[in-house]
Amino acid sequence: MSTPAQQVRTRAPRIAQQAVERARLSVVPRVRTRAPKVPFIVLVSLVLVGGVVGLLMFNTSMSQASFASAKLEKQADALAAREQTLQRELEALRNPQRVATQAQQMGMVVPQSPTFLDLQDGTVTGPAAPAVAEDRLQLEGRRAVKPAELEPERTVVKVRGDKAGREAASRDGAGSASGARRGE
């Protein structure tokens, strides 16, 4: 009988021979398989449609934002104009001349000498004399006199209304104009 080492040695060349026979390459006939076109076309179509729809939605949202922005700008302009109007009204109401005039219309006058009241102990400091209507301030100033150059004499020009007068004026030319200035 043979030993296990010898059995392995005799088997190894036989296994190697079988492996070599299996490892030999042989030509296999080529099978042509085409990838199905329908799924690819569907995928490309879906991507294109999705892109167009996305672009359309983006464009719509941008136009809506543009309209909202224009509306808000118009509202801001109206509010700014309203603010300016209110500011002018406030300045007119705060005008010291207006306040003094309204105070005089309500019967208020400036006292000759001020009197002070101490609120802690109730004492009066200064002469306690009532204000009278003669203490009223002169709020309206004198009117400014315009120079004579700003108010020239009036010149009256008379125009003849009849046909003969118009004919004479057209014949005379400049002479009738000077006569009209003199009031003839």
N, C-alpha and C. Protein backbone atom coordinates (compact mmCIF):
# COMPACT_ATOMS: atom_id res chain seq x y z
N MET A 1 0.82 -1.15 0.00
CA MET A 1 0.00 0.00 0.00
C MET A 1 0.88 1.23 0.00
N SER A 2 0.28 2.25 -0.43
CA SER A 2 1.08 3.43 -0.54
C SER A 2 0.75 4.38 0.60
N THR A 3 1.68 5.20 0.86
CA THR A 3 1.53 6.13 1.98
C THR A 3 0.71 7.35 1.52
N PRO A 4 0.16 8.04 2.47
CA PRO A 4 -0.66 9.20 2.09
C PRO A 4 0.16 10.23 1.33
N ALA A 5 1.40 10.39 1.58
CA ALA A 5 2.19 11.38 0.86
C ALA A 5 2.33 10.96 -0.59
N GLN A 6 2.43 9.70 -0.82
CA GLN A 6 2.54 9.22 -2.18
C GLN A 6 1.22 9.39 -2.92
N GLN A 7 0.16 9.20 -2.25
CA GLN A 7 -1.15 9.36 -2.88
C GLN A 7 -1.36 10.82 -3.31
N VAL A 8 -0.89 11.71 -2.51
CA VAL A 8 -1.04 13.12 -2.83
C VAL A 8 -0.19 13.44 -4.05
N ARG A 9 0.98 12.82 -4.12
CA ARG A 9 1.86 13.10 -5.25
C ARG A 9 1.29 12.55 -6.54
N THR A 10 0.62 11.51 -6.51
CA THR A 10 0.07 10.94 -7.73
C THR A 10 -1.22 11.66 -8.11
N ARG A 11 -1.91 12.15 -7.18
CA ARG A 11 -3.15 12.90 -7.47
C ARG A 11 -2.86 14.29 -8.00
N ALA A 12 -1.86 14.92 -7.56
CA ALA A 12 -1.57 16.30 -7.94
C ALA A 12 -1.39 16.44 -9.45
N PRO A 13 -0.60 15.58 -10.12
CA PRO A 13 -0.50 15.77 -11.56
C PRO A 13 -1.83 15.53 -12.27
N ARG A 14 -2.61 14.61 -11.78
CA ARG A 14 -3.89 14.35 -12.41
C ARG A 14 -4.83 15.55 -12.22
N ILE A 15 -4.87 16.17 -11.06
CA ILE A 15 -5.72 17.34 -10.79
C ILE A 15 -5.21 18.51 -11.62
N ALA A 16 -3.91 18.62 -11.74
CA ALA A 16 -3.34 19.70 -12.53
C ALA A 16 -3.71 19.53 -13.99
N GLN A 17 -3.69 18.28 -14.46
CA GLN A 17 -4.04 18.00 -15.85
C GLN A 17 -5.50 18.37 -16.10
N GLN A 18 -6.38 18.05 -15.19
CA GLN A 18 -7.80 18.38 -15.34
C GLN A 18 -8.01 19.91 -15.29
N ALA A 19 -7.27 20.62 -14.46
CA ALA A 19 -7.40 22.07 -14.36
C ALA A 19 -6.94 22.72 -15.65
N VAL A 20 -5.88 22.18 -16.24
CA VAL A 20 -5.38 22.74 -17.49
C VAL A 20 -6.42 22.53 -18.59
N GLU A 21 -7.06 21.39 -18.62
CA GLU A 21 -8.06 21.12 -19.63
C GLU A 21 -9.27 22.06 -19.45
N ARG A 22 -9.62 22.31 -18.25
CA ARG A 22 -10.76 23.21 -17.98
C ARG A 22 -10.40 24.67 -18.29
N ALA A 23 -9.17 25.03 -18.09
CA ALA A 23 -8.75 26.40 -18.25
C ALA A 23 -8.58 26.80 -19.70
N ARG A 24 -8.59 25.90 -20.57
CA ARG A 24 -8.43 26.25 -21.96
C ARG A 24 -9.64 27.06 -22.41
N LEU A 25 -9.31 28.10 -23.14
CA LEU A 25 -10.36 28.99 -23.60
C LEU A 25 -10.90 28.48 -24.91
N SER A 26 -12.19 28.66 -25.02
CA SER A 26 -12.81 28.27 -26.28
C SER A 26 -13.64 29.45 -26.78
N VAL A 27 -13.79 29.54 -28.05
CA VAL A 27 -14.52 30.63 -28.65
C VAL A 27 -16.01 30.36 -28.48
N VAL A 28 -16.65 31.31 -27.93
CA VAL A 28 -18.09 31.20 -27.72
C VAL A 28 -18.76 32.10 -28.75
N PRO A 29 -19.80 31.67 -29.34
CA PRO A 29 -20.47 32.55 -30.31
C PRO A 29 -21.06 33.78 -29.60
N ARG A 30 -20.90 34.91 -30.25
CA ARG A 30 -21.31 36.17 -29.65
C ARG A 30 -22.84 36.33 -29.79
N VAL A 31 -23.45 36.64 -28.66
CA VAL A 31 -24.89 36.85 -28.65
C VAL A 31 -25.14 38.36 -28.60
N ARG A 32 -25.83 38.86 -29.57
CA ARG A 32 -26.12 40.29 -29.61
C ARG A 32 -27.40 40.55 -28.82
N THR A 33 -27.21 41.35 -27.76
CA THR A 33 -28.39 41.76 -26.98
C THR A 33 -28.46 43.28 -27.06
N ARG A 34 -29.60 43.78 -27.36
CA ARG A 34 -29.81 45.22 -27.40
C ARG A 34 -30.50 45.65 -26.13
N ALA A 35 -30.02 46.78 -25.62
CA ALA A 35 -30.66 47.33 -24.42
C ALA A 35 -32.03 47.87 -24.86
N PRO A 36 -33.03 47.67 -24.05
CA PRO A 36 -34.36 48.15 -24.44
C PRO A 36 -34.36 49.68 -24.50
N LYS A 37 -34.90 50.24 -25.58
CA LYS A 37 -34.90 51.68 -25.79
C LYS A 37 -36.03 52.39 -25.03
N VAL A 38 -37.10 51.73 -24.78
CA VAL A 38 -38.27 52.35 -24.17
C VAL A 38 -37.96 52.92 -22.78
N PRO A 39 -37.33 52.20 -21.88
CA PRO A 39 -37.06 52.80 -20.57
C PRO A 39 -36.16 54.04 -20.66
N PHE A 40 -35.17 54.01 -21.56
CA PHE A 40 -34.29 55.17 -21.72
C PHE A 40 -35.07 56.38 -22.25
N ILE A 41 -35.92 56.15 -23.24
CA ILE A 41 -36.73 57.24 -23.80
C ILE A 41 -37.67 57.80 -22.74
N VAL A 42 -38.25 56.94 -21.95
CA VAL A 42 -39.16 57.38 -20.87
C VAL A 42 -38.38 58.20 -19.85
N LEU A 43 -37.20 57.77 -19.48
CA LEU A 43 -36.39 58.49 -18.50
C LEU A 43 -36.01 59.88 -19.02
N VAL A 44 -35.54 59.96 -20.26
CA VAL A 44 -35.16 61.25 -20.85
C VAL A 44 -36.38 62.16 -20.95
N SER A 45 -37.52 61.60 -21.36
CA SER A 45 -38.74 62.40 -21.48
C SER A 45 -39.17 62.94 -20.11
N LEU A 46 -39.09 62.11 -19.08
CA LEU A 46 -39.45 62.55 -17.73
C LEU A 46 -38.52 63.66 -17.24
N VAL A 47 -37.24 63.53 -17.52
CA VAL A 47 -36.29 64.57 -17.11
C VAL A 47 -36.59 65.88 -17.84
N LEU A 48 -36.86 65.81 -19.13
CA LEU A 48 -37.18 67.02 -19.89
C LEU A 48 -38.48 67.67 -19.42
N VAL A 49 -39.52 66.87 -19.22
CA VAL A 49 -40.80 67.40 -18.76
C VAL A 49 -40.65 68.00 -17.36
N GLY A 50 -39.91 67.30 -16.49
CA GLY A 50 -39.67 67.83 -15.14
C GLY A 50 -38.92 69.16 -15.19
N GLY A 51 -37.93 69.27 -16.06
CA GLY A 51 -37.18 70.52 -16.19
C GLY A 51 -38.05 71.65 -16.71
N VAL A 52 -38.88 71.38 -17.70
CA VAL A 52 -39.76 72.41 -18.25
C VAL A 52 -40.77 72.85 -17.20
N VAL A 53 -41.36 71.90 -16.49
CA VAL A 53 -42.34 72.24 -15.45
C VAL A 53 -41.66 73.03 -14.33
N GLY A 54 -40.48 72.62 -13.93
CA GLY A 54 -39.75 73.35 -12.89
C GLY A 54 -39.41 74.76 -13.32
N LEU A 55 -38.97 74.92 -14.57
CA LEU A 55 -38.66 76.24 -15.09
C LEU A 55 -39.91 77.11 -15.16
N LEU A 56 -41.02 76.54 -15.56
CA LEU A 56 -42.28 77.27 -15.62
C LEU A 56 -42.73 77.71 -14.23
N MET A 57 -42.60 76.84 -13.25
CA MET A 57 -42.98 77.18 -11.87
C MET A 57 -42.05 78.28 -11.33
N PHE A 58 -40.77 78.18 -11.62
CA PHE A 58 -39.81 79.21 -11.18
C PHE A 58 -40.15 80.56 -11.80
N ASN A 59 -40.44 80.57 -13.10
CA ASN A 59 -40.78 81.80 -13.80
C ASN A 59 -42.07 82.40 -13.22
N THR A 60 -43.05 81.57 -12.93
CA THR A 60 -44.32 82.04 -12.36
C THR A 60 -44.09 82.65 -10.98
N SER A 61 -43.29 81.98 -10.17
CA SER A 61 -43.03 82.51 -8.82
C SER A 61 -42.25 83.82 -8.89
N MET A 62 -41.34 83.95 -9.84
CA MET A 62 -40.58 85.19 -10.00
C MET A 62 -41.50 86.34 -10.44
N SER A 63 -42.44 86.06 -11.35
CA SER A 63 -43.35 87.12 -11.78
C SER A 63 -44.29 87.53 -10.65
N GLN A 64 -44.73 86.57 -9.84
CA GLN A 64 -45.56 86.90 -8.67
C GLN A 64 -44.76 87.75 -7.69
N ALA A 65 -43.51 87.42 -7.48
CA ALA A 65 -42.67 88.21 -6.58
C ALA A 65 -42.47 89.61 -7.15
N SER A 66 -42.34 89.73 -8.47
CA SER A 66 -42.18 91.03 -9.09
C SER A 66 -43.43 91.88 -8.89
N PHE A 67 -44.61 91.29 -9.06
CA PHE A 67 -45.85 92.02 -8.85
C PHE A 67 -45.99 92.44 -7.39
N ALA A 68 -45.64 91.55 -6.48
CA ALA A 68 -45.71 91.89 -5.05
C ALA A 68 -44.73 93.01 -4.73
N SER A 69 -43.55 92.96 -5.31
CA SER A 69 -42.55 94.01 -5.07
C SER A 69 -43.03 95.35 -5.60
N ALA A 70 -43.62 95.36 -6.80
CA ALA A 70 -44.14 96.61 -7.38
C ALA A 70 -45.27 97.17 -6.50
N LYS A 71 -46.11 96.28 -6.00
CA LYS A 71 -47.23 96.73 -5.14
C LYS A 71 -46.69 97.32 -3.85
N LEU A 72 -45.69 96.68 -3.27
CA LEU A 72 -45.11 97.19 -2.02
C LEU A 72 -44.37 98.51 -2.25
N GLU A 73 -43.70 98.66 -3.39
CA GLU A 73 -43.03 99.93 -3.69
C GLU A 73 -44.03 101.05 -3.86
N LYS A 74 -45.15 100.75 -4.52
CA LYS A 74 -46.20 101.76 -4.69
C LYS A 74 -46.78 102.15 -3.33
N GLN A 75 -46.98 101.17 -2.48
CA GLN A 75 -47.50 101.45 -1.14
C GLN A 75 -46.48 102.26 -0.33
N ALA A 76 -45.20 101.95 -0.47
CA ALA A 76 -44.16 102.70 0.24
C ALA A 76 -44.11 104.14 -0.25
N ASP A 77 -44.27 104.35 -1.56
CA ASP A 77 -44.30 105.72 -2.09
C ASP A 77 -45.49 106.50 -1.55
N ALA A 78 -46.66 105.84 -1.50
CA ALA A 78 -47.85 106.51 -0.97
C ALA A 78 -47.66 106.85 0.50
N LEU A 79 -47.07 105.94 1.25
CA LEU A 79 -46.83 106.20 2.68
C LEU A 79 -45.80 107.31 2.88
N ALA A 80 -44.80 107.36 2.02
CA ALA A 80 -43.80 108.43 2.13
C ALA A 80 -44.44 109.79 1.83
N ALA A 81 -45.31 109.83 0.82
CA ALA A 81 -46.01 111.08 0.51
C ALA A 81 -46.92 111.48 1.67
N ARG A 82 -47.60 110.51 2.26
CA ARG A 82 -48.47 110.79 3.41
C ARG A 82 -47.65 111.30 4.59
N GLU A 83 -46.47 110.71 4.79
CA GLU A 83 -45.59 111.15 5.88
C GLU A 83 -45.16 112.60 5.67
N GLN A 84 -44.82 112.95 4.44
CA GLN A 84 -44.42 114.33 4.15
C GLN A 84 -45.58 115.30 4.40
N THR A 85 -46.78 114.89 3.99
CA THR A 85 -47.95 115.74 4.21
C THR A 85 -48.19 115.95 5.70
N LEU A 86 -48.11 114.87 6.46
CA LEU A 86 -48.32 114.97 7.91
C LEU A 86 -47.21 115.80 8.57
N GLN A 87 -45.99 115.67 8.05
CA GLN A 87 -44.87 116.45 8.60
C GLN A 87 -45.11 117.94 8.38
N ARG A 88 -45.57 118.31 7.17
CA ARG A 88 -45.87 119.71 6.90
C ARG A 88 -47.01 120.22 7.78
N GLU A 89 -48.05 119.38 7.95
CA GLU A 89 -49.16 119.79 8.82
C GLU A 89 -48.68 119.98 10.26
N LEU A 90 -47.81 119.09 10.72
CA LEU A 90 -47.28 119.20 12.08
C LEU A 90 -46.45 120.47 12.23
N GLU A 91 -45.63 120.79 11.23
CA GLU A 91 -44.84 122.02 11.29
C GLU A 91 -45.74 123.25 11.32
N ALA A 92 -46.84 123.19 10.54
CA ALA A 92 -47.77 124.32 10.55
C ALA A 92 -48.45 124.45 11.91
N LEU A 93 -48.78 123.32 12.54
CA LEU A 93 -49.42 123.37 13.85
C LEU A 93 -48.45 123.82 14.94
N ARG A 94 -47.18 123.54 14.77
CA ARG A 94 -46.18 123.93 15.78
C ARG A 94 -45.66 125.36 15.58
N ASN A 95 -46.11 126.03 14.55
CA ASN A 95 -45.65 127.38 14.26
C ASN A 95 -45.94 128.29 15.46
N PRO A 96 -44.93 128.92 16.04
CA PRO A 96 -45.14 129.76 17.23
C PRO A 96 -46.11 130.90 16.96
N GLN A 97 -46.09 131.46 15.76
CA GLN A 97 -47.02 132.54 15.43
C GLN A 97 -48.46 132.05 15.51
N ARG A 98 -48.72 130.87 15.00
CA ARG A 98 -50.06 130.30 15.04
C ARG A 98 -50.49 130.00 16.47
N VAL A 99 -49.58 129.43 17.26
CA VAL A 99 -49.90 129.10 18.66
C VAL A 99 -50.23 130.38 19.44
N ALA A 100 -49.43 131.44 19.24
CA ALA A 100 -49.66 132.71 19.95
C ALA A 100 -50.99 133.33 19.52
N THR A 101 -51.30 133.28 18.24
CA THR A 101 -52.56 133.85 17.74
C THR A 101 -53.75 133.10 18.34
N GLN A 102 -53.68 131.78 18.36
CA GLN A 102 -54.78 131.00 18.95
C GLN A 102 -54.91 131.27 20.45
N ALA A 103 -53.78 131.43 21.13
CA ALA A 103 -53.83 131.72 22.56
C ALA A 103 -54.50 133.06 22.80
N GLN A 104 -54.18 134.06 22.00
CA GLN A 104 -54.83 135.38 22.16
C GLN A 104 -56.31 135.29 21.82
N GLN A 105 -56.70 134.50 20.84
CA GLN A 105 -58.11 134.34 20.50
C GLN A 105 -58.88 133.68 21.65
N MET A 106 -58.18 132.86 22.43
CA MET A 106 -58.83 132.22 23.58
C MET A 106 -58.81 133.12 24.81
N GLY A 107 -58.20 134.30 24.71
CA GLY A 107 -58.20 135.24 25.81
C GLY A 107 -56.95 135.20 26.67
N MET A 108 -55.94 134.50 26.25
CA MET A 108 -54.70 134.41 27.02
C MET A 108 -53.82 135.62 26.71
N VAL A 109 -53.19 136.15 27.75
CA VAL A 109 -52.26 137.26 27.59
C VAL A 109 -51.02 136.98 28.41
N VAL A 110 -49.94 137.66 28.09
CA VAL A 110 -48.69 137.53 28.84
C VAL A 110 -48.77 138.47 30.04
N PRO A 111 -48.54 138.00 31.26
CA PRO A 111 -48.61 138.87 32.42
C PRO A 111 -47.44 139.85 32.45
N GLN A 112 -47.66 140.98 33.12
CA GLN A 112 -46.61 142.00 33.25
C GLN A 112 -45.43 141.46 34.05
N SER A 113 -45.73 140.82 35.17
CA SER A 113 -44.66 140.27 36.01
C SER A 113 -45.04 138.83 36.37
N PRO A 114 -44.12 137.92 36.25
CA PRO A 114 -44.45 136.54 36.54
C PRO A 114 -44.57 136.28 38.05
N THR A 115 -45.44 135.36 38.38
CA THR A 115 -45.65 134.94 39.75
C THR A 115 -45.38 133.45 39.81
N PHE A 116 -44.70 132.98 40.87
CA PHE A 116 -44.33 131.57 40.99
C PHE A 116 -45.04 130.97 42.20
N LEU A 117 -45.47 129.74 42.05
CA LEU A 117 -46.16 129.02 43.13
C LEU A 117 -45.30 127.84 43.52
N ASP A 118 -44.94 127.75 44.79
CA ASP A 118 -44.16 126.62 45.30
C ASP A 118 -45.15 125.52 45.66
N LEU A 119 -45.05 124.38 45.01
CA LEU A 119 -46.02 123.31 45.20
C LEU A 119 -45.85 122.56 46.51
N GLN A 120 -44.67 122.59 47.12
CA GLN A 120 -44.45 121.86 48.36
C GLN A 120 -45.15 122.54 49.54
N ASP A 121 -45.00 123.84 49.65
CA ASP A 121 -45.61 124.51 50.81
C ASP A 121 -46.73 125.46 50.42
N GLY A 122 -46.98 125.68 49.12
CA GLY A 122 -48.09 126.51 48.67
C GLY A 122 -47.84 127.99 48.75
N THR A 123 -46.60 128.42 48.87
CA THR A 123 -46.31 129.86 48.96
C THR A 123 -46.23 130.47 47.57
N VAL A 124 -46.62 131.75 47.48
CA VAL A 124 -46.59 132.49 46.23
C VAL A 124 -45.42 133.46 46.28
N THR A 125 -44.57 133.43 45.24
CA THR A 125 -43.42 134.32 45.16
C THR A 125 -43.64 135.29 44.01
N GLY A 126 -43.46 136.57 44.27
CA GLY A 126 -43.64 137.58 43.23
C GLY A 126 -44.99 138.26 43.39
N PRO A 127 -45.17 139.40 42.72
CA PRO A 127 -46.44 140.12 42.85
C PRO A 127 -47.56 139.37 42.16
N ALA A 128 -48.65 139.15 42.84
CA ALA A 128 -49.80 138.45 42.28
C ALA A 128 -50.74 139.48 41.67
N ALA A 129 -50.51 139.82 40.42
CA ALA A 129 -51.34 140.80 39.73
C ALA A 129 -51.99 140.11 38.53
N PRO A 130 -53.27 140.32 38.32
CA PRO A 130 -53.94 139.67 37.18
C PRO A 130 -53.49 140.29 35.86
N ALA A 131 -53.50 139.45 34.83
CA ALA A 131 -53.15 139.93 33.49
C ALA A 131 -54.38 140.60 32.90
N VAL A 132 -54.18 141.67 32.16
CA VAL A 132 -55.29 142.40 31.56
C VAL A 132 -55.14 142.36 30.04
N ALA A 133 -56.23 142.68 29.34
CA ALA A 133 -56.24 142.62 27.88
C ALA A 133 -55.27 143.59 27.26
N GLU A 134 -54.92 144.67 27.96
CA GLU A 134 -53.98 145.64 27.42
C GLU A 134 -52.56 145.08 27.35
N ASP A 135 -52.31 143.98 28.07
CA ASP A 135 -50.99 143.35 28.05
C ASP A 135 -50.77 142.50 26.79
N ARG A 136 -51.73 142.51 25.92
CA ARG A 136 -51.68 141.69 24.71
C ARG A 136 -50.46 142.05 23.85
N LEU A 137 -49.83 141.06 23.28
CA LEU A 137 -48.68 141.28 22.39
C LEU A 137 -49.15 141.65 20.99
N GLN A 138 -48.37 142.44 20.29
CA GLN A 138 -48.66 142.78 18.91
C GLN A 138 -48.06 141.66 18.05
N LEU A 139 -48.91 140.73 17.60
CA LEU A 139 -48.41 139.58 16.86
C LEU A 139 -48.25 139.86 15.37
N GLU A 140 -49.09 140.71 14.83
CA GLU A 140 -48.99 141.01 13.41
C GLU A 140 -48.08 142.20 13.22
N GLY A 141 -47.05 142.01 12.45
CA GLY A 141 -46.08 143.07 12.22
C GLY A 141 -46.58 144.07 11.19
N ARG A 142 -45.80 145.10 10.98
CA ARG A 142 -46.15 146.10 9.98
C ARG A 142 -46.02 145.49 8.60
N ARG A 143 -46.88 145.94 7.69
CA ARG A 143 -46.80 145.46 6.32
C ARG A 143 -45.61 146.12 5.64
N ALA A 144 -44.92 145.37 4.85
CA ALA A 144 -43.77 145.89 4.12
C ALA A 144 -44.25 146.78 2.98
N VAL A 145 -43.56 147.87 2.78
CA VAL A 145 -43.89 148.79 1.70
C VAL A 145 -43.13 148.35 0.47
N LYS A 146 -43.86 148.20 -0.65
CA LYS A 146 -43.22 147.79 -1.89
C LYS A 146 -42.58 148.99 -2.55
N PRO A 147 -41.43 148.82 -3.13
CA PRO A 147 -40.81 149.91 -3.88
C PRO A 147 -41.65 150.25 -5.11
N ALA A 148 -41.53 151.49 -5.58
CA ALA A 148 -42.32 151.93 -6.73
C ALA A 148 -42.00 151.12 -7.98
N GLU A 149 -40.80 150.57 -8.09
CA GLU A 149 -40.43 149.78 -9.26
C GLU A 149 -41.25 148.51 -9.35
N LEU A 150 -41.68 148.01 -8.20
CA LEU A 150 -42.46 146.78 -8.21
C LEU A 150 -43.95 147.03 -8.48
N GLU A 151 -44.40 148.28 -8.35
CA GLU A 151 -45.78 148.62 -8.66
C GLU A 151 -45.81 149.80 -9.64
N PRO A 152 -45.59 149.55 -10.94
CA PRO A 152 -45.58 150.64 -11.91
C PRO A 152 -47.00 151.15 -12.18
N GLU A 153 -47.10 152.34 -12.81
CA GLU A 153 -48.40 152.90 -13.15
C GLU A 153 -49.06 152.03 -14.21
N ARG A 154 -50.37 152.01 -14.16
CA ARG A 154 -51.11 151.23 -15.14
C ARG A 154 -51.23 152.03 -16.43
N THR A 155 -51.12 151.35 -17.54
CA THR A 155 -51.30 151.95 -18.85
C THR A 155 -52.53 151.33 -19.48
N VAL A 156 -53.47 152.17 -19.87
CA VAL A 156 -54.71 151.68 -20.47
C VAL A 156 -54.61 151.86 -21.97
N VAL A 157 -54.86 150.82 -22.70
CA VAL A 157 -54.80 150.86 -24.16
C VAL A 157 -56.22 150.72 -24.67
N LYS A 158 -56.66 151.70 -25.48
CA LYS A 158 -58.01 151.65 -26.05
C LYS A 158 -57.89 151.17 -27.49
N VAL A 159 -58.73 150.26 -27.85
CA VAL A 159 -58.74 149.74 -29.22
C VAL A 159 -60.07 150.13 -29.84
N ARG A 160 -60.02 150.70 -31.03
CA ARG A 160 -61.25 151.07 -31.72
C ARG A 160 -61.93 149.81 -32.23
N GLY A 161 -63.21 149.72 -32.01
CA GLY A 161 -63.95 148.52 -32.38
C GLY A 161 -64.57 148.57 -33.75
N ASP A 162 -64.62 149.71 -34.42
CA ASP A 162 -65.29 149.77 -35.73
C ASP A 162 -64.32 149.41 -36.85
N LYS A 163 -64.90 149.16 -38.02
CA LYS A 163 -64.12 148.73 -39.17
C LYS A 163 -63.20 149.84 -39.66
N ALA A 164 -63.67 151.07 -39.64
CA ALA A 164 -62.87 152.20 -40.11
C ALA A 164 -61.64 152.38 -39.22
N GLY A 165 -61.79 152.18 -37.95
CA GLY A 165 -60.67 152.31 -37.03
C GLY A 165 -59.62 151.26 -37.28
N ARG A 166 -60.05 150.05 -37.62
CA ARG A 166 -59.09 148.99 -37.91
C ARG A 166 -58.34 149.26 -39.20
N GLU A 167 -59.09 149.82 -40.19
CA GLU A 167 -58.43 150.14 -41.45
C GLU A 167 -57.41 151.25 -41.26
N ALA A 168 -57.76 152.24 -40.45
CA ALA A 168 -56.83 153.34 -40.19
C ALA A 168 -55.61 152.83 -39.44
N ALA A 169 -55.82 151.93 -38.54
CA ALA A 169 -54.71 151.37 -37.78
C ALA A 169 -53.79 150.58 -38.68
N SER A 170 -54.37 149.84 -39.63
CA SER A 170 -53.52 149.06 -40.52
C SER A 170 -52.76 149.95 -41.48
N ARG A 171 -53.35 151.10 -41.88
CA ARG A 171 -52.65 152.04 -42.77
C ARG A 171 -51.55 152.77 -42.02
N ASP A 172 -51.86 153.20 -40.79
CA ASP A 172 -50.91 153.98 -40.02
C ASP A 172 -49.75 153.13 -39.51
N GLY A 173 -50.01 151.89 -39.22
CA GLY A 173 -48.96 151.00 -38.71
C GLY A 173 -48.54 151.40 -37.33
N ALA A 174 -47.30 151.85 -37.21
CA ALA A 174 -46.73 152.21 -35.91
C ALA A 174 -47.35 153.46 -35.35
N GLY A 175 -47.84 154.38 -36.19
CA GLY A 175 -48.41 155.62 -35.70
C GLY A 175 -49.66 155.38 -34.90
N SER A 176 -50.48 154.40 -35.30
CA SER A 176 -51.70 154.14 -34.54
C SER A 176 -51.38 153.48 -33.21
N ALA A 177 -50.32 152.70 -33.18
CA ALA A 177 -49.95 152.05 -31.92
C ALA A 177 -49.50 153.10 -30.91
N SER A 178 -48.72 154.12 -31.37
CA SER A 178 -48.29 155.15 -30.44
C SER A 178 -49.47 155.99 -30.00
N GLY A 179 -50.47 156.21 -30.90
CA GLY A 179 -51.67 156.94 -30.52
C GLY A 179 -52.49 156.16 -29.52
N ALA A 180 -52.47 154.81 -29.63
CA ALA A 180 -53.23 153.99 -28.68
C ALA A 180 -52.57 154.05 -27.32
N ARG A 181 -51.26 154.16 -27.27
CA ARG A 181 -50.58 154.24 -25.97
C ARG A 181 -50.90 155.55 -25.26
N ARG A 182 -51.10 156.60 -26.00
CA ARG A 182 -51.41 157.88 -25.38
C ARG A 182 -52.85 157.95 -24.93
N GLY A 183 -53.65 156.92 -25.30
CA GLY A 183 -55.04 156.91 -24.89
C GLY A 183 -55.94 157.57 -25.89
N GLU A 184 -55.52 157.78 -27.14
CA GLU A 184 -56.36 158.43 -28.17
C GLU A 184 -57.31 157.45 -28.75
